[in-house]
Amino acid sequence: MVAKELLDLQRERPFRPLRIFISDGEVYEVRHPEMMFVTKTRVVIALPNGEEVPEKRGRLGSERL
């Protein structure tokens, strides 16, 4: 999946939660569009921890998508 596709999914209204499957088998859930930041070469995903403000994040290079 490339940045443009992720941005299109992020901008859909209403937003539909999505899962990103990584080449090594990991899966990241994006429940809200604000949880994902997309650039040409990286995707940063805020990882929920049960609190209001996430304290963890997943950084993914485009080669892993």
N, C-alpha and C. Protein backbone atom coordinates (compact mmCIF):
# COMPACT_ATOMS: atom_id res chain seq x y z
N MET A 1 0.85 -1.18 0.00
CA MET A 1 0.00 0.00 0.00
C MET A 1 0.90 1.24 0.00
N VAL A 2 0.55 2.19 -0.78
CA VAL A 2 1.38 3.39 -0.89
C VAL A 2 0.72 4.55 -0.13
N ALA A 3 1.50 5.60 0.05
CA ALA A 3 1.04 6.76 0.84
C ALA A 3 -0.28 7.31 0.31
N LYS A 4 -0.43 7.43 -0.99
CA LYS A 4 -1.65 8.00 -1.58
C LYS A 4 -2.87 7.16 -1.19
N GLU A 5 -2.75 5.85 -1.23
CA GLU A 5 -3.86 4.99 -0.84
C GLU A 5 -4.22 5.15 0.63
N LEU A 6 -3.20 5.24 1.48
CA LEU A 6 -3.46 5.44 2.90
C LEU A 6 -4.12 6.79 3.17
N LEU A 7 -3.64 7.82 2.48
CA LEU A 7 -4.25 9.15 2.65
C LEU A 7 -5.71 9.14 2.19
N ASP A 8 -5.99 8.45 1.09
CA ASP A 8 -7.37 8.37 0.61
C ASP A 8 -8.26 7.69 1.65
N LEU A 9 -7.77 6.60 2.24
CA LEU A 9 -8.53 5.90 3.28
C LEU A 9 -8.72 6.78 4.51
N GLN A 10 -7.68 7.53 4.87
CA GLN A 10 -7.73 8.41 6.04
C GLN A 10 -8.73 9.55 5.84
N ARG A 11 -8.88 10.01 4.62
CA ARG A 11 -9.73 11.17 4.33
C ARG A 11 -11.18 10.80 4.04
N GLU A 12 -11.50 9.52 3.92
CA GLU A 12 -12.88 9.12 3.66
C GLU A 12 -13.79 9.60 4.78
N ARG A 13 -14.98 10.04 4.40
CA ARG A 13 -15.98 10.44 5.38
C ARG A 13 -17.27 9.73 5.04
N PRO A 14 -17.88 9.04 5.95
CA PRO A 14 -17.35 8.86 7.30
C PRO A 14 -16.13 7.95 7.28
N PHE A 15 -15.24 8.19 8.22
CA PHE A 15 -14.03 7.38 8.32
C PHE A 15 -14.41 5.98 8.76
N ARG A 16 -13.81 4.99 8.11
CA ARG A 16 -14.02 3.59 8.50
C ARG A 16 -12.71 3.07 9.10
N PRO A 17 -12.76 2.53 10.32
CA PRO A 17 -11.55 1.99 10.92
C PRO A 17 -10.89 0.99 9.97
N LEU A 18 -9.56 0.93 10.02
CA LEU A 18 -8.84 0.05 9.11
C LEU A 18 -7.72 -0.66 9.83
N ARG A 19 -7.26 -1.73 9.20
CA ARG A 19 -6.12 -2.49 9.70
C ARG A 19 -5.02 -2.43 8.66
N ILE A 20 -3.80 -2.20 9.13
CA ILE A 20 -2.64 -2.20 8.25
C ILE A 20 -1.83 -3.45 8.58
N PHE A 21 -1.67 -4.29 7.59
CA PHE A 21 -0.91 -5.53 7.74
C PHE A 21 0.50 -5.29 7.23
N ILE A 22 1.49 -5.59 8.07
CA ILE A 22 2.89 -5.34 7.77
C ILE A 22 3.53 -6.63 7.24
N SER A 23 4.56 -6.48 6.45
CA SER A 23 5.20 -7.63 5.80
C SER A 23 5.73 -8.67 6.78
N ASP A 24 6.04 -8.27 8.01
CA ASP A 24 6.55 -9.24 8.99
C ASP A 24 5.43 -9.91 9.81
N GLY A 25 4.18 -9.63 9.46
CA GLY A 25 3.05 -10.26 10.12
C GLY A 25 2.35 -9.40 11.16
N GLU A 26 2.94 -8.28 11.54
CA GLU A 26 2.29 -7.39 12.52
C GLU A 26 1.05 -6.75 11.90
N VAL A 27 0.10 -6.40 12.75
CA VAL A 27 -1.12 -5.74 12.31
C VAL A 27 -1.35 -4.52 13.20
N TYR A 28 -1.64 -3.38 12.57
CA TYR A 28 -1.93 -2.15 13.31
C TYR A 28 -3.36 -1.73 13.01
N GLU A 29 -4.12 -1.43 14.07
CA GLU A 29 -5.48 -0.94 13.90
C GLU A 29 -5.48 0.58 13.99
N VAL A 30 -6.18 1.19 13.05
CA VAL A 30 -6.36 2.64 13.06
C VAL A 30 -7.85 2.88 13.25
N ARG A 31 -8.22 3.29 14.46
CA ARG A 31 -9.64 3.45 14.79
C ARG A 31 -10.17 4.84 14.49
N HIS A 32 -9.26 5.82 14.43
CA HIS A 32 -9.65 7.20 14.16
C HIS A 32 -8.62 7.79 13.19
N PRO A 33 -9.03 8.67 12.30
CA PRO A 33 -8.08 9.22 11.32
C PRO A 33 -6.94 10.00 11.98
N GLU A 34 -7.18 10.56 13.17
CA GLU A 34 -6.14 11.33 13.86
C GLU A 34 -5.02 10.44 14.39
N MET A 35 -5.22 9.13 14.37
CA MET A 35 -4.22 8.20 14.90
C MET A 35 -3.13 7.88 13.89
N MET A 36 -3.24 8.40 12.66
CA MET A 36 -2.28 8.05 11.61
C MET A 36 -1.73 9.32 10.95
N PHE A 37 -0.42 9.36 10.80
CA PHE A 37 0.27 10.45 10.12
C PHE A 37 1.04 9.84 8.95
N VAL A 38 0.73 10.28 7.74
CA VAL A 38 1.29 9.66 6.53
C VAL A 38 2.22 10.64 5.81
N THR A 39 3.42 10.16 5.49
CA THR A 39 4.34 10.91 4.62
C THR A 39 4.65 10.01 3.43
N LYS A 40 5.48 10.48 2.50
CA LYS A 40 5.82 9.67 1.33
C LYS A 40 6.54 8.38 1.69
N THR A 41 7.34 8.41 2.74
CA THR A 41 8.16 7.25 3.06
C THR A 41 7.85 6.59 4.40
N ARG A 42 7.00 7.20 5.23
CA ARG A 42 6.72 6.65 6.56
C ARG A 42 5.25 6.83 6.92
N VAL A 43 4.81 5.95 7.80
CA VAL A 43 3.49 6.08 8.42
C VAL A 43 3.72 5.98 9.92
N VAL A 44 3.19 6.93 10.65
CA VAL A 44 3.28 6.91 12.11
C VAL A 44 1.87 6.66 12.63
N ILE A 45 1.74 5.65 13.47
CA ILE A 45 0.44 5.27 14.01
C ILE A 45 0.49 5.37 15.53
N ALA A 46 -0.45 6.14 16.10
CA ALA A 46 -0.56 6.23 17.56
C ALA A 46 -1.21 4.94 18.04
N LEU A 47 -0.58 4.31 19.02
CA LEU A 47 -1.07 3.04 19.55
C LEU A 47 -1.82 3.28 20.84
N PRO A 48 -3.11 2.92 20.89
CA PRO A 48 -3.90 3.17 22.09
C PRO A 48 -3.40 2.34 23.27
N ASN A 49 -3.50 2.94 24.45
CA ASN A 49 -3.07 2.24 25.67
C ASN A 49 -4.14 2.29 26.74
N GLY A 50 -5.37 2.59 26.35
CA GLY A 50 -6.46 2.66 27.31
C GLY A 50 -6.63 4.01 27.97
N GLU A 51 -5.73 4.95 27.68
CA GLU A 51 -5.83 6.30 28.23
C GLU A 51 -6.25 7.24 27.12
N GLU A 52 -6.52 8.49 27.50
CA GLU A 52 -6.98 9.47 26.52
C GLU A 52 -5.89 9.82 25.51
N VAL A 53 -4.64 9.92 25.96
CA VAL A 53 -3.53 10.30 25.09
C VAL A 53 -2.59 9.11 24.94
N PRO A 54 -2.44 8.57 23.71
CA PRO A 54 -1.53 7.44 23.52
C PRO A 54 -0.10 7.82 23.85
N GLU A 55 0.64 6.87 24.41
CA GLU A 55 2.03 7.15 24.73
C GLU A 55 2.98 6.36 23.85
N LYS A 56 2.45 5.48 23.03
CA LYS A 56 3.29 4.69 22.14
C LYS A 56 2.93 5.01 20.70
N ARG A 57 3.83 4.63 19.82
CA ARG A 57 3.57 4.83 18.41
C ARG A 57 4.31 3.77 17.62
N GLY A 58 3.79 3.48 16.46
CA GLY A 58 4.46 2.57 15.54
C GLY A 58 4.93 3.36 14.34
N ARG A 59 6.20 3.25 14.00
CA ARG A 59 6.73 3.93 12.81
C ARG A 59 7.00 2.88 11.76
N LEU A 60 6.41 3.05 10.62
CA LEU A 60 6.52 2.06 9.57
C LEU A 60 7.12 2.69 8.32
N GLY A 61 8.16 2.08 7.79
CA GLY A 61 8.70 2.51 6.51
C GLY A 61 7.88 1.91 5.40
N SER A 62 7.81 2.57 4.26
CA SER A 62 6.97 2.10 3.16
C SER A 62 7.37 0.72 2.67
N GLU A 63 8.61 0.31 2.90
CA GLU A 63 9.05 -1.01 2.46
C GLU A 63 8.40 -2.14 3.26
N ARG A 64 7.79 -1.83 4.42
CA ARG A 64 7.16 -2.85 5.25
C ARG A 64 5.67 -2.98 4.98
N LEU A 65 5.10 -2.07 4.19
CA LEU A 65 3.65 -2.10 3.95
C LEU A 65 3.30 -3.05 2.83
